[in-house]
Amino acid sequence: MNATTRPALPAPWLAQLSALRARWQGLGARERRLLGFAVAVLGAFVLWSAAIQPAWHTLRNAPAQLDALDAQLQDMQSLASEARELRGTPAFNAEQSAAALKSASERLGNKGRLSLQGERAVLTLNGASSSQLREWLVEARAGARARPVEAQLSRNAQGYSGSVVLSLGGAP
C-alpha cells in the first residue's frame, strides 16, 4: 500500500462522510471556529478524564499509601520478631505457668476466676474491660507461656463475659 492509496471505507460510511463534509462547507467561518473550539474542549476533557487525571490522582495519593504500607510492614516485622522471641524462650512447666496465671488473674479481681484442670486452665470472665482482658492475655502468653486454645466471649455494657481455655507449659 503506498501513500496515495487509502483503504476503502464501507459505502454507508462514505455517504455519511460526504454528508458531513457538505454540512461543514455550508457553515459560516464563525460557526466553524465555534464548532472547532467545542471539539477542542471536548477532546481536552476526554484527554484529561482518560489519561491525565488518573495518573495525577495516583501520584498525589502515592506518598500516603507508601507511608501506610511502611507502617504496616513495621508492625508485621515487630510481630514476627515477637513470635521468634517467644519460640526461642524455654517452655515453663505446668506449675510455673499456673503460678504466673494465678498472679495475672488476681489483678482482675472479681471480674475473673481461674480454674486449673491438669495441663489446661480456664478463665471465666464476668464484666472485664477490654484493657483488662488484653493485659491478662499478654501476661498469660508472655509470663506464663500459656496458649489460648478456645475462647467463648461476649461483650455487653459491663464488658466481656465468657471463658478462655489455655494450654499450660509445653502442652499442645
C-alpha atoms as a PDB file:
ATOM      1  CA  MET A   1       0.000   0.000   0.000  1.00  0.00           C
ATOM      2  CA  ASN A   2       1.549   3.365  -0.965  1.00  0.00           C
ATOM      3  CA  ALA A   3       0.938   6.861   0.413  1.00  0.00           C
ATOM      4  CA  THR A   4      -1.670   7.814  -2.225  1.00  0.00           C
ATOM      5  CA  THR A   5      -3.970   4.829  -1.758  1.00  0.00           C
ATOM      6  CA  ARG A   6      -6.283   4.706   1.186  1.00  0.00           C
ATOM      7  CA  PRO A   7      -8.163   1.700   2.409  1.00  0.00           C
ATOM      8  CA  ALA A   8     -11.708   1.668   1.087  1.00  0.00           C
ATOM      9  CA  LEU A   9     -14.403   2.564   3.593  1.00  0.00           C
ATOM     10  CA  PRO A  10     -17.782   0.864   3.543  1.00  0.00           C
ATOM     11  CA  ALA A  11     -20.361   2.620   1.365  1.00  0.00           C
ATOM     12  CA  PRO A  12     -22.600   3.785   4.259  1.00  0.00           C
ATOM     13  CA  TRP A  13     -19.604   5.403   5.951  1.00  0.00           C
ATOM     14  CA  LEU A  14     -18.613   7.151   2.764  1.00  0.00           C
ATOM     15  CA  ALA A  15     -22.139   8.514   2.422  1.00  0.00           C
ATOM     16  CA  GLN A  16     -22.067   9.814   5.989  1.00  0.00           C
ATOM     17  CA  LEU A  17     -18.631  11.333   5.484  1.00  0.00           C
ATOM     18  CA  SER A  18     -19.656  13.171   2.348  1.00  0.00           C
ATOM     19  CA  ALA A  19     -22.791  14.445   4.106  1.00  0.00           C
ATOM     20  CA  LEU A  20     -20.657  15.768   6.982  1.00  0.00           C
ATOM     21  CA  ARG A  21     -18.249  17.460   4.557  1.00  0.00           C
ATOM     22  CA  ALA A  22     -21.134  19.118   2.744  1.00  0.00           C
ATOM     23  CA  ARG A  23     -22.582  20.311   6.027  1.00  0.00           C
ATOM     24  CA  TRP A  24     -19.161  21.624   7.140  1.00  0.00           C
ATOM     25  CA  GLN A  25     -18.774  23.548   3.890  1.00  0.00           C
ATOM     26  CA  GLY A  26     -22.245  25.020   4.399  1.00  0.00           C
ATOM     27  CA  LEU A  27     -21.276  26.533   7.777  1.00  0.00           C
ATOM     28  CA  GLY A  28     -20.031  30.081   8.069  1.00  0.00           C
ATOM     29  CA  ALA A  29     -16.496  30.894   9.221  1.00  0.00           C
ATOM     30  CA  ARG A  30     -17.674  31.905  12.704  1.00  0.00           C
ATOM     31  CA  GLU A  31     -19.691  28.695  13.139  1.00  0.00           C
ATOM     32  CA  ARG A  32     -16.703  26.597  12.020  1.00  0.00           C
ATOM     33  CA  ARG A  33     -14.494  28.313  14.621  1.00  0.00           C
ATOM     34  CA  LEU A  34     -17.077  27.767  17.385  1.00  0.00           C
ATOM     35  CA  LEU A  35     -17.580  24.141  16.401  1.00  0.00           C
ATOM     36  CA  GLY A  36     -13.792  23.642  16.225  1.00  0.00           C
ATOM     37  CA  PHE A  37     -13.440  25.224  19.675  1.00  0.00           C
ATOM     38  CA  ALA A  38     -16.187  22.938  21.061  1.00  0.00           C
ATOM     39  CA  VAL A  39     -14.462  19.866  19.591  1.00  0.00           C
ATOM     40  CA  ALA A  40     -11.133  21.009  21.080  1.00  0.00           C
ATOM     41  CA  VAL A  41     -12.726  21.497  24.540  1.00  0.00           C
ATOM     42  CA  LEU A  42     -14.400  18.093  24.308  1.00  0.00           C
ATOM     43  CA  GLY A  43     -11.113  16.490  23.225  1.00  0.00           C
ATOM     44  CA  ALA A  44      -9.259  18.163  26.101  1.00  0.00           C
ATOM     45  CA  PHE A  45     -11.881  16.903  28.556  1.00  0.00           C
ATOM     46  CA  VAL A  46     -11.637  13.343  27.214  1.00  0.00           C
ATOM     47  CA  LEU A  47      -7.822  13.502  27.365  1.00  0.00           C
ATOM     48  CA  TRP A  48      -7.975  14.804  30.964  1.00  0.00           C
ATOM     49  CA  SER A  49     -10.523  12.201  32.070  1.00  0.00           C
ATOM     50  CA  ALA A  50      -8.893   9.219  30.421  1.00  0.00           C
ATOM     51  CA  ALA A  51      -5.173   9.889  30.707  1.00  0.00           C
ATOM     52  CA  ILE A  52      -4.089  12.770  32.910  1.00  0.00           C
ATOM     53  CA  GLN A  53      -6.483  12.754  35.875  1.00  0.00           C
ATOM     54  CA  PRO A  54      -5.998   9.054  36.856  1.00  0.00           C
ATOM     55  CA  ALA A  55      -2.216   9.424  36.715  1.00  0.00           C
ATOM     56  CA  TRP A  56      -2.368  12.676  38.679  1.00  0.00           C
ATOM     57  CA  HIS A  57      -4.574  11.020  41.306  1.00  0.00           C
ATOM     58  CA  THR A  58      -2.109   8.136  41.632  1.00  0.00           C
ATOM     59  CA  LEU A  59       0.852  10.485  42.020  1.00  0.00           C
ATOM     60  CA  ARG A  60      -0.979  12.580  44.612  1.00  0.00           C
ATOM     61  CA  ASN A  61      -2.019   9.585  46.742  1.00  0.00           C
ATOM     62  CA  ALA A  62       1.157   7.500  46.395  1.00  0.00           C
ATOM     63  CA  PRO A  63       3.113   9.059  49.306  1.00  0.00           C
ATOM     64  CA  ALA A  64       0.275   8.487  51.793  1.00  0.00           C
ATOM     65  CA  GLN A  65      -0.192   4.912  50.601  1.00  0.00           C
ATOM     66  CA  LEU A  66       3.549   4.253  50.849  1.00  0.00           C
ATOM     67  CA  ASP A  67       3.588   5.619  54.415  1.00  0.00           C
ATOM     68  CA  ALA A  68       0.654   3.400  55.379  1.00  0.00           C
ATOM     69  CA  LEU A  69       2.315   0.358  53.832  1.00  0.00           C
ATOM     70  CA  ASP A  70       5.607   1.149  55.588  1.00  0.00           C
ATOM     71  CA  ALA A  71       3.787   1.371  58.926  1.00  0.00           C
ATOM     72  CA  GLN A  72       2.045  -1.919  58.217  1.00  0.00           C
ATOM     73  CA  LEU A  73       5.377  -3.527  57.293  1.00  0.00           C
ATOM     74  CA  GLN A  74       6.945  -2.317  60.544  1.00  0.00           C
ATOM     75  CA  ASP A  75       4.015  -3.743  62.525  1.00  0.00           C
ATOM     76  CA  MET A  76       4.365  -7.084  60.757  1.00  0.00           C
ATOM     77  CA  GLN A  77       8.114  -7.131  61.347  1.00  0.00           C
ATOM     78  CA  SER A  78       7.659  -6.390  65.059  1.00  0.00           C
ATOM     79  CA  LEU A  79       5.064  -9.175  65.330  1.00  0.00           C
ATOM     80  CA  ALA A  80       7.416 -11.573  63.523  1.00  0.00           C
ATOM     81  CA  SER A  81      10.230 -10.579  65.873  1.00  0.00           C
ATOM     82  CA  GLU A  82       7.984 -11.136  68.890  1.00  0.00           C
ATOM     83  CA  ALA A  83       6.977 -14.552  67.534  1.00  0.00           C
ATOM     84  CA  ARG A  84      10.651 -15.507  67.061  1.00  0.00           C
ATOM     85  CA  GLU A  85      11.406 -14.416  70.635  1.00  0.00           C
ATOM     86  CA  LEU A  86       8.506 -16.430  72.017  1.00  0.00           C
ATOM     87  CA  ARG A  87       9.593 -19.514  70.060  1.00  0.00           C
ATOM     88  CA  GLY A  88      13.108 -19.126  71.392  1.00  0.00           C
ATOM     89  CA  THR A  89      12.125 -18.882  75.066  1.00  0.00           C
ATOM     90  CA  PRO A  90      12.249 -22.059  77.108  1.00  0.00           C
ATOM     91  CA  ALA A  91       8.927 -23.653  77.962  1.00  0.00           C
ATOM     92  CA  PHE A  92       7.637 -23.452  81.508  1.00  0.00           C
ATOM     93  CA  ASN A  93       6.376 -26.493  83.260  1.00  0.00           C
ATOM     94  CA  ALA A  94       2.706 -26.582  84.230  1.00  0.00           C
ATOM     95  CA  GLU A  95       3.366 -25.475  87.833  1.00  0.00           C
ATOM     96  CA  GLN A  96       5.291 -22.360  86.784  1.00  0.00           C
ATOM     97  CA  SER A  97       2.623 -21.476  84.242  1.00  0.00           C
ATOM     98  CA  ALA A  98      -0.145 -21.985  86.788  1.00  0.00           C
ATOM     99  CA  ALA A  99       1.584 -19.698  89.285  1.00  0.00           C
ATOM    100  CA  ALA A 100       2.020 -16.938  86.689  1.00  0.00           C
ATOM    101  CA  LEU A 101      -1.619 -17.274  85.593  1.00  0.00           C
ATOM    102  CA  LYS A 102      -2.860 -17.086  89.183  1.00  0.00           C
ATOM    103  CA  SER A 103      -0.860 -13.918  89.666  1.00  0.00           C
ATOM    104  CA  ALA A 104      -2.284 -12.357  86.498  1.00  0.00           C
ATOM    105  CA  SER A 105      -5.817 -13.458  87.379  1.00  0.00           C
ATOM    106  CA  GLU A 106      -5.650 -11.870  90.819  1.00  0.00           C
ATOM    107  CA  ARG A 107      -5.302  -8.475  89.120  1.00  0.00           C
ATOM    108  CA  LEU A 108      -8.714  -8.992  87.511  1.00  0.00           C
ATOM    109  CA  GLY A 109     -10.325  -9.031  90.955  1.00  0.00           C
ATOM    110  CA  ASN A 110     -13.910 -10.278  90.989  1.00  0.00           C
ATOM    111  CA  LYS A 111     -14.174  -9.925  87.185  1.00  0.00           C
ATOM    112  CA  GLY A 112     -12.180 -13.100  86.526  1.00  0.00           C
ATOM    113  CA  ARG A 113     -11.960 -16.554  88.096  1.00  0.00           C
ATOM    114  CA  LEU A 114      -9.239 -19.044  87.161  1.00  0.00           C
ATOM    115  CA  SER A 115      -9.639 -22.798  87.449  1.00  0.00           C
ATOM    116  CA  LEU A 116      -6.829 -25.254  86.703  1.00  0.00           C
ATOM    117  CA  GLN A 117      -7.537 -28.646  85.178  1.00  0.00           C
ATOM    118  CA  GLY A 118      -4.274 -30.534  84.678  1.00  0.00           C
ATOM    119  CA  GLU A 119      -2.459 -29.110  81.624  1.00  0.00           C
ATOM    120  CA  ARG A 120      -5.327 -26.699  80.946  1.00  0.00           C
ATOM    121  CA  ALA A 121      -6.562 -23.549  82.627  1.00  0.00           C
ATOM    122  CA  VAL A 122      -9.984 -21.930  82.245  1.00  0.00           C
ATOM    123  CA  LEU A 123     -10.511 -18.243  82.937  1.00  0.00           C
ATOM    124  CA  THR A 124     -14.147 -17.282  83.466  1.00  0.00           C
ATOM    125  CA  LEU A 125     -14.816 -13.596  82.927  1.00  0.00           C
ATOM    126  CA  ASN A 126     -17.723 -11.503  84.109  1.00  0.00           C
ATOM    127  CA  GLY A 127     -17.656  -7.862  83.015  1.00  0.00           C
ATOM    128  CA  ALA A 128     -13.921  -7.435  82.327  1.00  0.00           C
ATOM    129  CA  SER A 129     -12.893  -4.389  80.296  1.00  0.00           C
ATOM    130  CA  SER A 130     -11.035  -4.601  77.006  1.00  0.00           C
ATOM    131  CA  SER A 131      -7.815  -3.364  78.558  1.00  0.00           C
ATOM    132  CA  GLN A 132      -8.034  -5.861  81.441  1.00  0.00           C
ATOM    133  CA  LEU A 133      -8.597  -8.749  79.040  1.00  0.00           C
ATOM    134  CA  ARG A 134      -5.779  -7.611  76.747  1.00  0.00           C
ATOM    135  CA  GLU A 135      -3.323  -7.223  79.647  1.00  0.00           C
ATOM    136  CA  TRP A 136      -4.282 -10.624  81.037  1.00  0.00           C
ATOM    137  CA  LEU A 137      -3.814 -12.304  77.643  1.00  0.00           C
ATOM    138  CA  VAL A 138      -0.427 -10.631  77.165  1.00  0.00           C
ATOM    139  CA  GLU A 139       0.712 -11.758  80.590  1.00  0.00           C
ATOM    140  CA  ALA A 140      -0.685 -15.261  80.040  1.00  0.00           C
ATOM    141  CA  ARG A 141       1.243 -15.553  76.773  1.00  0.00           C
ATOM    142  CA  ALA A 142       4.489 -13.876  77.807  1.00  0.00           C
ATOM    143  CA  GLY A 143       4.617 -14.515  81.563  1.00  0.00           C
ATOM    144  CA  ALA A 144       3.025 -17.943  81.822  1.00  0.00           C
ATOM    145  CA  ARG A 145       3.800 -19.120  78.276  1.00  0.00           C
ATOM    146  CA  ALA A 146       0.240 -20.375  78.055  1.00  0.00           C
ATOM    147  CA  ARG A 147      -1.516 -20.548  74.700  1.00  0.00           C
ATOM    148  CA  PRO A 148      -5.209 -19.799  74.264  1.00  0.00           C
ATOM    149  CA  VAL A 149      -6.875 -22.789  72.610  1.00  0.00           C
ATOM    150  CA  GLU A 150     -10.528 -21.802  72.902  1.00  0.00           C
ATOM    151  CA  ALA A 151     -12.473 -18.642  73.709  1.00  0.00           C
ATOM    152  CA  GLN A 152     -16.179 -18.047  74.112  1.00  0.00           C
ATOM    153  CA  LEU A 153     -16.637 -14.359  74.837  1.00  0.00           C
ATOM    154  CA  SER A 154     -19.477 -11.922  74.537  1.00  0.00           C
ATOM    155  CA  ARG A 155     -19.435  -8.201  75.081  1.00  0.00           C
ATOM    156  CA  ASN A 156     -22.129  -6.304  76.914  1.00  0.00           C
ATOM    157  CA  ALA A 157     -22.400  -2.920  78.618  1.00  0.00           C
ATOM    158  CA  GLN A 158     -20.322  -4.086  81.615  1.00  0.00           C
ATOM    159  CA  GLY A 159     -17.512  -5.571  79.494  1.00  0.00           C
ATOM    160  CA  TYR A 160     -16.512  -9.049  78.358  1.00  0.00           C
ATOM    161  CA  SER A 161     -18.122 -12.183  79.781  1.00  0.00           C
ATOM    162  CA  GLY A 162     -17.408 -15.802  78.950  1.00  0.00           C
ATOM    163  CA  SER A 163     -14.447 -18.156  79.168  1.00  0.00           C
ATOM    164  CA  VAL A 164     -10.940 -18.579  77.788  1.00  0.00           C
ATOM    165  CA  VAL A 165      -9.275 -22.015  77.777  1.00  0.00           C
ATOM    166  CA  LEU A 166      -5.469 -22.081  77.821  1.00  0.00           C
ATOM    167  CA  SER A 167      -2.886 -24.772  77.350  1.00  0.00           C
ATOM    168  CA  LEU A 168      -0.183 -24.630  80.044  1.00  0.00           C
ATOM    169  CA  GLY A 169       3.534 -25.129  79.650  1.00  0.00           C
ATOM    170  CA  GLY A 170       4.589 -27.330  76.764  1.00  0.00           C
ATOM    171  CA  ALA A 171       1.174 -28.962  76.346  1.00  0.00           C
ATOM    172  CA  PRO A 172      -0.437 -28.689  72.909  1.00  0.00           C
END
